[in-house]
Amino acid sequence: MFDPKTLSEYALSHMDSSDENIQNSLNLFQVFRRLYEQNPSLLNEILSLAAVDKQMPVRPDNFSYVLGLVTDKQALLITNVSGDRSQIFLQPHLQNQIWTFGRDPNKASLPIRDRRLSRCHAAIRYDSACGFVIYDLNSTNGTYINGVRIRQNHLLKDGDLIRLGSMNFGFFTGSDFRRVGCPSPEIVRMLSESCVPPTSPMEMMDVTEAEDEDTLPPNLEQTLHFMNRTEFMSEQD
C-alpha cells in the first residue's frame, strides 16, 4: 500500500525546474492525495502499472502473439512473448502437452518479465478432443480472455485476445492443412528474373538520364554517391 510520503516522493520525482512544471507536479500530488484518501487500492493499482511500464522493454511496432499449431497428434506453440524473436516450444510428452506462463523461469516453460505476473501464472494445454485450453493457476491478478476474467479454464478460439499481467497478446490456432497449386510459369519467370543481378556494365548506362529513382538498379544510388564523394575528395587533394 502506498502512503502519503511515497506519493509525495513520486510527485517530486516528476518535477522540472520551470514554474509551470512545478505547478503541474503539485497539482498531480493533490490529485493522488485525494485519490489515496478515497480509494487507496485503486491508486495502488495505477502506480503499480506505472512501475511495470518503466521496467518492461518496449519494442516499437511489436505484436505479441501465440500460435497453436497441430501436426498429426503433435501440438506446438510458436510465440514471441518469451523473448525478442519468435520461438517454437515443443512439448515431447504427448499425454501432457502443457505450456506454462509466469515470471519465474524455474517454474514457467515460457517465462515473461512482468511484475504483475505470478511465478506460475497460467498454462495452455492441448486436448486432442477439443483443442487448446487456457488455465488460470490461482494467479493474483488473473487471466483475461477478450477482456473477461476467467474462473478456472477457457477453451481458446482462433483470434482470442489474452491478457496475463500487463501483457496482451493474440492467440491463433490452425490444424487444417491446405495444399496449394503450383505457380504459373509466368510467376516463376518473374521471380527468377528478379533474383538475377544487373549484368550491363555501368559505363554503358547514361546515369544523367535516370531522373526517377525507381528506375535505378538496386544500390546504384549509393554507389554513385560514393564515387562522387571520392572524386570530390581527389579534387581537393
C-alpha atoms as a PDB file:
ATOM      1  CA  MET A   1       0.000   0.000   0.000  1.00  0.00           C
ATOM      2  CA  PHE A   2       1.330   3.453  -0.858  1.00  0.00           C
ATOM      3  CA  ASP A   3       1.434   6.067   1.914  1.00  0.00           C
ATOM      4  CA  PRO A   4       1.375   9.869   1.525  1.00  0.00           C
ATOM      5  CA  LYS A   5       5.150  10.045   1.863  1.00  0.00           C
ATOM      6  CA  THR A   6       5.582   7.708  -1.102  1.00  0.00           C
ATOM      7  CA  LEU A   7       3.091   9.762  -3.103  1.00  0.00           C
ATOM      8  CA  SER A   8       4.947  12.978  -2.422  1.00  0.00           C
ATOM      9  CA  GLU A   9       8.237  11.410  -3.462  1.00  0.00           C
ATOM     10  CA  TYR A  10       6.615  10.150  -6.672  1.00  0.00           C
ATOM     11  CA  ALA A  11       5.243  13.598  -7.497  1.00  0.00           C
ATOM     12  CA  LEU A  12       8.517  15.356  -6.647  1.00  0.00           C
ATOM     13  CA  SER A  13      10.442  12.963  -8.900  1.00  0.00           C
ATOM     14  CA  HIS A  14       8.392  14.290 -11.848  1.00  0.00           C
ATOM     15  CA  MET A  15       9.102  17.937 -11.078  1.00  0.00           C
ATOM     16  CA  ASP A  16      11.007  20.144 -13.503  1.00  0.00           C
ATOM     17  CA  SER A  17      12.839  23.407 -12.925  1.00  0.00           C
ATOM     18  CA  SER A  18      10.209  25.528 -14.682  1.00  0.00           C
ATOM     19  CA  ASP A  19       7.409  27.125 -12.650  1.00  0.00           C
ATOM     20  CA  GLU A  20       4.746  25.630 -14.884  1.00  0.00           C
ATOM     21  CA  ASN A  21       6.038  22.092 -14.463  1.00  0.00           C
ATOM     22  CA  ILE A  22       6.383  22.559 -10.706  1.00  0.00           C
ATOM     23  CA  GLN A  23       2.764  23.662 -10.502  1.00  0.00           C
ATOM     24  CA  ASN A  24       1.680  20.683 -12.605  1.00  0.00           C
ATOM     25  CA  SER A  25       3.569  18.352 -10.283  1.00  0.00           C
ATOM     26  CA  LEU A  26       1.921  19.894  -7.235  1.00  0.00           C
ATOM     27  CA  ASN A  27      -1.486  19.516  -8.860  1.00  0.00           C
ATOM     28  CA  LEU A  28      -0.654  15.893  -9.627  1.00  0.00           C
ATOM     29  CA  PHE A  29       0.269  15.320  -5.997  1.00  0.00           C
ATOM     30  CA  GLN A  30      -3.050  16.824  -4.822  1.00  0.00           C
ATOM     31  CA  VAL A  31      -4.962  14.509  -7.168  1.00  0.00           C
ATOM     32  CA  PHE A  32      -3.008  11.499  -5.897  1.00  0.00           C
ATOM     33  CA  ARG A  33      -3.644  12.535  -2.308  1.00  0.00           C
ATOM     34  CA  ARG A  34      -7.407  12.828  -2.783  1.00  0.00           C
ATOM     35  CA  LEU A  35      -7.477   9.531  -4.649  1.00  0.00           C
ATOM     36  CA  TYR A  36      -5.489   7.876  -1.864  1.00  0.00           C
ATOM     37  CA  GLU A  37      -7.925   9.113   0.771  1.00  0.00           C
ATOM     38  CA  GLN A  38     -10.978   7.899  -1.155  1.00  0.00           C
ATOM     39  CA  ASN A  39      -9.743   4.705  -2.802  1.00  0.00           C
ATOM     40  CA  PRO A  40      -6.201   3.654  -1.826  1.00  0.00           C
ATOM     41  CA  SER A  41      -6.463   0.259  -3.551  1.00  0.00           C
ATOM     42  CA  LEU A  42      -7.209   1.899  -6.913  1.00  0.00           C
ATOM     43  CA  LEU A  43      -4.245   4.228  -6.570  1.00  0.00           C
ATOM     44  CA  ASN A  44      -2.053   1.266  -5.676  1.00  0.00           C
ATOM     45  CA  GLU A  45      -3.139  -0.399  -8.915  1.00  0.00           C
ATOM     46  CA  ILE A  46      -2.389   2.714 -11.014  1.00  0.00           C
ATOM     47  CA  LEU A  47       1.088   3.216  -9.580  1.00  0.00           C
ATOM     48  CA  SER A  48       1.892  -0.480  -9.955  1.00  0.00           C
ATOM     49  CA  LEU A  49       1.049  -0.259 -13.663  1.00  0.00           C
ATOM     50  CA  ALA A  50       3.295   2.804 -13.996  1.00  0.00           C
ATOM     51  CA  ALA A  51       6.165   0.910 -12.366  1.00  0.00           C
ATOM     52  CA  VAL A  52       5.674  -2.060 -14.677  1.00  0.00           C
ATOM     53  CA  ASP A  53       5.699   0.153 -17.778  1.00  0.00           C
ATOM     54  CA  LYS A  54       9.115   1.533 -16.786  1.00  0.00           C
ATOM     55  CA  GLN A  55      10.600  -1.937 -16.265  1.00  0.00           C
ATOM     56  CA  MET A  56       9.268  -3.788 -19.291  1.00  0.00           C
ATOM     57  CA  PRO A  57      11.171  -3.303 -22.538  1.00  0.00           C
ATOM     58  CA  VAL A  58       9.150  -1.526 -25.215  1.00  0.00           C
ATOM     59  CA  ARG A  59       9.655  -2.535 -28.823  1.00  0.00           C
ATOM     60  CA  PRO A  60       8.040  -0.269 -31.419  1.00  0.00           C
ATOM     61  CA  ASP A  61       5.604  -1.900 -33.799  1.00  0.00           C
ATOM     62  CA  ASN A  62       5.817  -5.123 -31.830  1.00  0.00           C
ATOM     63  CA  PHE A  63       2.862  -7.500 -31.927  1.00  0.00           C
ATOM     64  CA  SER A  64       2.868 -10.237 -29.301  1.00  0.00           C
ATOM     65  CA  TYR A  65       1.201 -13.485 -30.285  1.00  0.00           C
ATOM     66  CA  VAL A  66       0.861 -17.190 -29.527  1.00  0.00           C
ATOM     67  CA  LEU A  67       0.207 -19.598 -32.368  1.00  0.00           C
ATOM     68  CA  GLY A  68      -1.011 -23.096 -31.506  1.00  0.00           C
ATOM     69  CA  LEU A  69      -0.163 -25.470 -34.326  1.00  0.00           C
ATOM     70  CA  VAL A  70      -1.229 -29.103 -34.583  1.00  0.00           C
ATOM     71  CA  THR A  71       0.521 -31.629 -36.811  1.00  0.00           C
ATOM     72  CA  ASP A  72      -0.874 -35.152 -36.593  1.00  0.00           C
ATOM     73  CA  LYS A  73      -1.053 -35.809 -32.843  1.00  0.00           C
ATOM     74  CA  GLN A  74       1.750 -33.409 -32.008  1.00  0.00           C
ATOM     75  CA  ALA A  75       0.995 -29.869 -30.881  1.00  0.00           C
ATOM     76  CA  LEU A  76       3.417 -26.983 -30.530  1.00  0.00           C
ATOM     77  CA  LEU A  77       3.393 -23.293 -29.696  1.00  0.00           C
ATOM     78  CA  ILE A  78       5.084 -20.607 -31.770  1.00  0.00           C
ATOM     79  CA  THR A  79       5.318 -17.316 -29.910  1.00  0.00           C
ATOM     80  CA  ASN A  80       7.384 -14.192 -29.267  1.00  0.00           C
ATOM     81  CA  VAL A  81       6.083 -13.436 -25.753  1.00  0.00           C
ATOM     82  CA  SER A  82       9.098 -15.041 -24.071  1.00  0.00           C
ATOM     83  CA  GLY A  83      11.866 -13.279 -25.983  1.00  0.00           C
ATOM     84  CA  ASP A  84      12.789 -10.767 -28.632  1.00  0.00           C
ATOM     85  CA  ARG A  85      12.021 -13.139 -31.501  1.00  0.00           C
ATOM     86  CA  SER A  86       9.615 -15.913 -32.422  1.00  0.00           C
ATOM     87  CA  GLN A  87      10.423 -19.295 -30.918  1.00  0.00           C
ATOM     88  CA  ILE A  88       8.955 -22.784 -31.238  1.00  0.00           C
ATOM     89  CA  PHE A  89       8.066 -24.539 -27.979  1.00  0.00           C
ATOM     90  CA  LEU A  90       7.667 -28.275 -28.413  1.00  0.00           C
ATOM     91  CA  GLN A  91       6.272 -30.486 -25.654  1.00  0.00           C
ATOM     92  CA  PRO A  92       7.569 -34.035 -26.200  1.00  0.00           C
ATOM     93  CA  HIS A  93       5.125 -35.628 -23.728  1.00  0.00           C
ATOM     94  CA  LEU A  94       2.103 -36.342 -25.905  1.00  0.00           C
ATOM     95  CA  GLN A  95      -0.110 -37.159 -22.933  1.00  0.00           C
ATOM     96  CA  ASN A  96       0.646 -33.859 -21.178  1.00  0.00           C
ATOM     97  CA  GLN A  97       1.173 -31.201 -23.797  1.00  0.00           C
ATOM     98  CA  ILE A  98       1.212 -28.257 -21.407  1.00  0.00           C
ATOM     99  CA  TRP A  99       2.974 -24.887 -21.605  1.00  0.00           C
ATOM    100  CA  THR A 100       3.133 -22.690 -18.500  1.00  0.00           C
ATOM    101  CA  PHE A 101       3.439 -18.893 -18.355  1.00  0.00           C
ATOM    102  CA  GLY A 102       4.888 -16.921 -15.463  1.00  0.00           C
ATOM    103  CA  ARG A 103       7.685 -14.663 -14.308  1.00  0.00           C
ATOM    104  CA  ASP A 104       9.762 -17.436 -12.680  1.00  0.00           C
ATOM    105  CA  PRO A 105      11.963 -19.180 -15.280  1.00  0.00           C
ATOM    106  CA  ASN A 106      12.358 -22.147 -12.919  1.00  0.00           C
ATOM    107  CA  LYS A 107       8.606 -22.775 -12.830  1.00  0.00           C
ATOM    108  CA  ALA A 108       7.329 -21.489 -16.172  1.00  0.00           C
ATOM    109  CA  SER A 109       8.227 -23.024 -19.508  1.00  0.00           C
ATOM    110  CA  LEU A 110       7.564 -19.617 -21.110  1.00  0.00           C
ATOM    111  CA  PRO A 111       8.990 -17.071 -18.651  1.00  0.00           C
ATOM    112  CA  ILE A 112       7.922 -13.441 -19.088  1.00  0.00           C
ATOM    113  CA  ARG A 113       9.440 -10.437 -17.339  1.00  0.00           C
ATOM    114  CA  ASP A 114       6.412  -8.820 -15.761  1.00  0.00           C
ATOM    115  CA  ARG A 115       5.985  -7.944 -12.101  1.00  0.00           C
ATOM    116  CA  ARG A 116       2.212  -8.339 -12.378  1.00  0.00           C
ATOM    117  CA  LEU A 117       2.587 -11.988 -13.321  1.00  0.00           C
ATOM    118  CA  SER A 118       2.545 -14.694 -10.692  1.00  0.00           C
ATOM    119  CA  ARG A 119       5.533 -17.028 -10.558  1.00  0.00           C
ATOM    120  CA  CYS A 120       3.476 -19.619 -12.419  1.00  0.00           C
ATOM    121  CA  HIS A 121       0.527 -17.613 -13.685  1.00  0.00           C
ATOM    122  CA  ALA A 122      -1.310 -19.638 -16.338  1.00  0.00           C
ATOM    123  CA  ALA A 123      -0.994 -22.640 -18.610  1.00  0.00           C
ATOM    124  CA  ILE A 124      -2.126 -23.632 -22.074  1.00  0.00           C
ATOM    125  CA  ARG A 125      -2.915 -27.297 -22.608  1.00  0.00           C
ATOM    126  CA  TYR A 126      -3.659 -29.083 -25.850  1.00  0.00           C
ATOM    127  CA  ASP A 127      -6.575 -31.510 -25.660  1.00  0.00           C
ATOM    128  CA  SER A 128      -6.954 -33.699 -28.727  1.00  0.00           C
ATOM    129  CA  ALA A 129     -10.707 -33.790 -28.166  1.00  0.00           C
ATOM    130  CA  CYS A 130     -11.383 -30.048 -28.106  1.00  0.00           C
ATOM    131  CA  GLY A 131      -8.187 -28.107 -28.845  1.00  0.00           C
ATOM    132  CA  PHE A 132      -6.177 -25.576 -26.840  1.00  0.00           C
ATOM    133  CA  VAL A 133      -7.416 -24.705 -23.354  1.00  0.00           C
ATOM    134  CA  ILE A 134      -6.000 -21.988 -21.091  1.00  0.00           C
ATOM    135  CA  TYR A 135      -5.970 -22.424 -17.306  1.00  0.00           C
ATOM    136  CA  ASP A 136      -5.517 -19.810 -14.612  1.00  0.00           C
ATOM    137  CA  LEU A 137      -3.203 -21.219 -11.916  1.00  0.00           C
ATOM    138  CA  ASN A 138      -4.649 -19.261  -8.992  1.00  0.00           C
ATOM    139  CA  SER A 139      -2.813 -16.143 -10.126  1.00  0.00           C
ATOM    140  CA  THR A 140      -3.020 -12.920  -8.131  1.00  0.00           C
ATOM    141  CA  ASN A 141      -4.003 -10.630 -10.993  1.00  0.00           C
ATOM    142  CA  GLY A 142      -5.995 -13.134 -13.012  1.00  0.00           C
ATOM    143  CA  THR A 143      -6.180 -14.315 -16.609  1.00  0.00           C
ATOM    144  CA  TYR A 144      -8.382 -12.436 -19.077  1.00  0.00           C
ATOM    145  CA  ILE A 145      -9.820 -13.602 -22.392  1.00  0.00           C
ATOM    146  CA  ASN A 146     -11.251 -10.849 -24.605  1.00  0.00           C
ATOM    147  CA  GLY A 147     -11.443  -8.563 -21.562  1.00  0.00           C
ATOM    148  CA  VAL A 148     -13.260 -11.060 -19.302  1.00  0.00           C
ATOM    149  CA  ARG A 149     -11.528 -12.691 -16.359  1.00  0.00           C
ATOM    150  CA  ILE A 150     -11.821 -16.476 -16.419  1.00  0.00           C
ATOM    151  CA  ARG A 151     -12.505 -18.506 -13.289  1.00  0.00           C
ATOM    152  CA  GLN A 152     -10.569 -21.709 -13.960  1.00  0.00           C
ATOM    153  CA  ASN A 153     -10.171 -22.556 -17.639  1.00  0.00           C
ATOM    154  CA  HIS A 154     -11.350 -21.443 -21.044  1.00  0.00           C
ATOM    155  CA  LEU A 155     -11.401 -23.074 -24.480  1.00  0.00           C
ATOM    156  CA  LEU A 156      -9.339 -20.868 -26.765  1.00  0.00           C
ATOM    157  CA  LYS A 157     -10.584 -19.878 -30.190  1.00  0.00           C
ATOM    158  CA  ASP A 158      -8.716 -18.500 -33.157  1.00  0.00           C
ATOM    159  CA  GLY A 159      -8.315 -14.747 -32.691  1.00  0.00           C
ATOM    160  CA  ASP A 160      -8.817 -14.596 -28.915  1.00  0.00           C
ATOM    161  CA  LEU A 161      -7.078 -11.764 -27.048  1.00  0.00           C
ATOM    162  CA  ILE A 162      -5.307 -12.927 -23.881  1.00  0.00           C
ATOM    163  CA  ARG A 163      -4.088 -10.729 -21.044  1.00  0.00           C
ATOM    164  CA  LEU A 164      -1.668 -12.051 -18.454  1.00  0.00           C
ATOM    165  CA  GLY A 165      -0.405  -9.471 -16.004  1.00  0.00           C
ATOM    166  CA  SER A 166       0.485  -6.396 -18.072  1.00  0.00           C
ATOM    167  CA  MET A 167       0.938  -8.283 -21.352  1.00  0.00           C
ATOM    168  CA  ASN A 168      -1.681  -8.564 -24.081  1.00  0.00           C
ATOM    169  CA  PHE A 169      -1.230 -10.984 -26.950  1.00  0.00           C
ATOM    170  CA  GLY A 170      -3.334 -12.595 -29.628  1.00  0.00           C
ATOM    171  CA  PHE A 171      -3.918 -16.328 -29.812  1.00  0.00           C
ATOM    172  CA  PHE A 172      -4.196 -18.084 -33.142  1.00  0.00           C
ATOM    173  CA  THR A 173      -4.555 -21.743 -33.932  1.00  0.00           C
ATOM    174  CA  GLY A 174      -4.539 -23.910 -37.001  1.00  0.00           C
ATOM    175  CA  SER A 175      -4.980 -27.612 -37.651  1.00  0.00           C
ATOM    176  CA  ASP A 176      -6.290 -27.712 -41.224  1.00  0.00           C
ATOM    177  CA  PHE A 177      -3.642 -28.026 -43.902  1.00  0.00           C
ATOM    178  CA  ARG A 178      -4.425 -26.990 -47.450  1.00  0.00           C
ATOM    179  CA  ARG A 179      -2.278 -27.925 -50.413  1.00  0.00           C
ATOM    180  CA  VAL A 180      -1.725 -25.020 -52.794  1.00  0.00           C
ATOM    181  CA  GLY A 181      -1.315 -25.361 -56.523  1.00  0.00           C
ATOM    182  CA  CYS A 182       1.894 -24.847 -58.446  1.00  0.00           C
ATOM    183  CA  PRO A 183       2.625 -21.273 -59.500  1.00  0.00           C
ATOM    184  CA  SER A 184       2.157 -20.363 -63.132  1.00  0.00           C
ATOM    185  CA  PRO A 185       5.212 -20.292 -65.442  1.00  0.00           C
ATOM    186  CA  GLU A 186       4.835 -16.520 -65.658  1.00  0.00           C
ATOM    187  CA  ILE A 187       5.162 -16.117 -61.870  1.00  0.00           C
ATOM    188  CA  VAL A 188       8.182 -18.424 -61.811  1.00  0.00           C
ATOM    189  CA  ARG A 189       9.796 -16.403 -64.600  1.00  0.00           C
ATOM    190  CA  MET A 190       9.145 -13.086 -62.848  1.00  0.00           C
ATOM    191  CA  LEU A 191      10.645 -14.339 -59.582  1.00  0.00           C
ATOM    192  CA  SER A 192      13.651 -15.801 -61.361  1.00  0.00           C
ATOM    193  CA  GLU A 193      14.350 -12.564 -63.198  1.00  0.00           C
ATOM    194  CA  SER A 194      14.068 -10.505 -60.039  1.00  0.00           C
ATOM    195  CA  CYS A 195      16.825 -12.593 -58.418  1.00  0.00           C
ATOM    196  CA  VAL A 196      19.281 -12.041 -61.301  1.00  0.00           C
ATOM    197  CA  PRO A 197      21.624  -9.063 -60.681  1.00  0.00           C
ATOM    198  CA  PRO A 198      22.087  -6.487 -63.453  1.00  0.00           C
ATOM    199  CA  THR A 199      24.692  -7.624 -65.981  1.00  0.00           C
ATOM    200  CA  SER A 200      25.118  -4.429 -68.005  1.00  0.00           C
ATOM    201  CA  PRO A 201      28.399  -2.591 -67.346  1.00  0.00           C
ATOM    202  CA  MET A 202      27.979   0.711 -65.546  1.00  0.00           C
ATOM    203  CA  GLU A 203      29.878   2.508 -68.351  1.00  0.00           C
ATOM    204  CA  MET A 204      27.061   1.699 -70.787  1.00  0.00           C
ATOM    205  CA  MET A 205      24.430   3.348 -68.600  1.00  0.00           C
ATOM    206  CA  ASP A 206      23.617   7.035 -69.037  1.00  0.00           C
ATOM    207  CA  VAL A 207      23.066   7.932 -65.420  1.00  0.00           C
ATOM    208  CA  THR A 208      22.207  11.562 -66.201  1.00  0.00           C
ATOM    209  CA  GLU A 209      19.062  10.463 -67.985  1.00  0.00           C
ATOM    210  CA  ALA A 210      17.825   8.447 -64.983  1.00  0.00           C
ATOM    211  CA  GLU A 211      15.714  11.039 -63.214  1.00  0.00           C
ATOM    212  CA  ASP A 212      13.383   8.608 -61.464  1.00  0.00           C
ATOM    213  CA  GLU A 213      14.892   6.744 -58.514  1.00  0.00           C
ATOM    214  CA  ASP A 214      12.615   3.765 -59.133  1.00  0.00           C
ATOM    215  CA  THR A 215      14.318   3.160 -62.500  1.00  0.00           C
ATOM    216  CA  LEU A 216      17.784   2.788 -60.955  1.00  0.00           C
ATOM    217  CA  PRO A 217      19.069  -0.712 -60.236  1.00  0.00           C
ATOM    218  CA  PRO A 218      19.382  -1.653 -56.544  1.00  0.00           C
ATOM    219  CA  ASN A 219      22.230   0.098 -54.659  1.00  0.00           C
ATOM    220  CA  LEU A 220      23.155   2.207 -57.700  1.00  0.00           C
ATOM    221  CA  GLU A 221      22.318   5.455 -55.935  1.00  0.00           C
ATOM    222  CA  GLN A 222      24.609   4.589 -53.009  1.00  0.00           C
ATOM    223  CA  THR A 223      27.393   3.604 -55.411  1.00  0.00           C
ATOM    224  CA  LEU A 224      27.153   6.863 -57.350  1.00  0.00           C
ATOM    225  CA  HIS A 225      27.179   8.839 -54.115  1.00  0.00           C
ATOM    226  CA  PHE A 226      30.383   7.079 -53.051  1.00  0.00           C
ATOM    227  CA  MET A 227      32.019   7.672 -56.456  1.00  0.00           C
ATOM    228  CA  ASN A 228      31.096  11.351 -56.461  1.00  0.00           C
ATOM    229  CA  ARG A 229      32.380  11.756 -52.938  1.00  0.00           C
ATOM    230  CA  THR A 230      35.672  10.086 -53.842  1.00  0.00           C
ATOM    231  CA  GLU A 231      36.083  12.311 -56.905  1.00  0.00           C
ATOM    232  CA  PHE A 232      35.363  15.420 -54.826  1.00  0.00           C
ATOM    233  CA  MET A 233      38.000  14.446 -52.262  1.00  0.00           C
ATOM    234  CA  SER A 234      40.546  13.815 -55.055  1.00  0.00           C
ATOM    235  CA  GLU A 235      39.982  17.299 -56.476  1.00  0.00           C
ATOM    236  CA  GLN A 236      40.591  18.837 -53.065  1.00  0.00           C
ATOM    237  CA  ASP A 237      43.910  16.991 -52.755  1.00  0.00           C
END
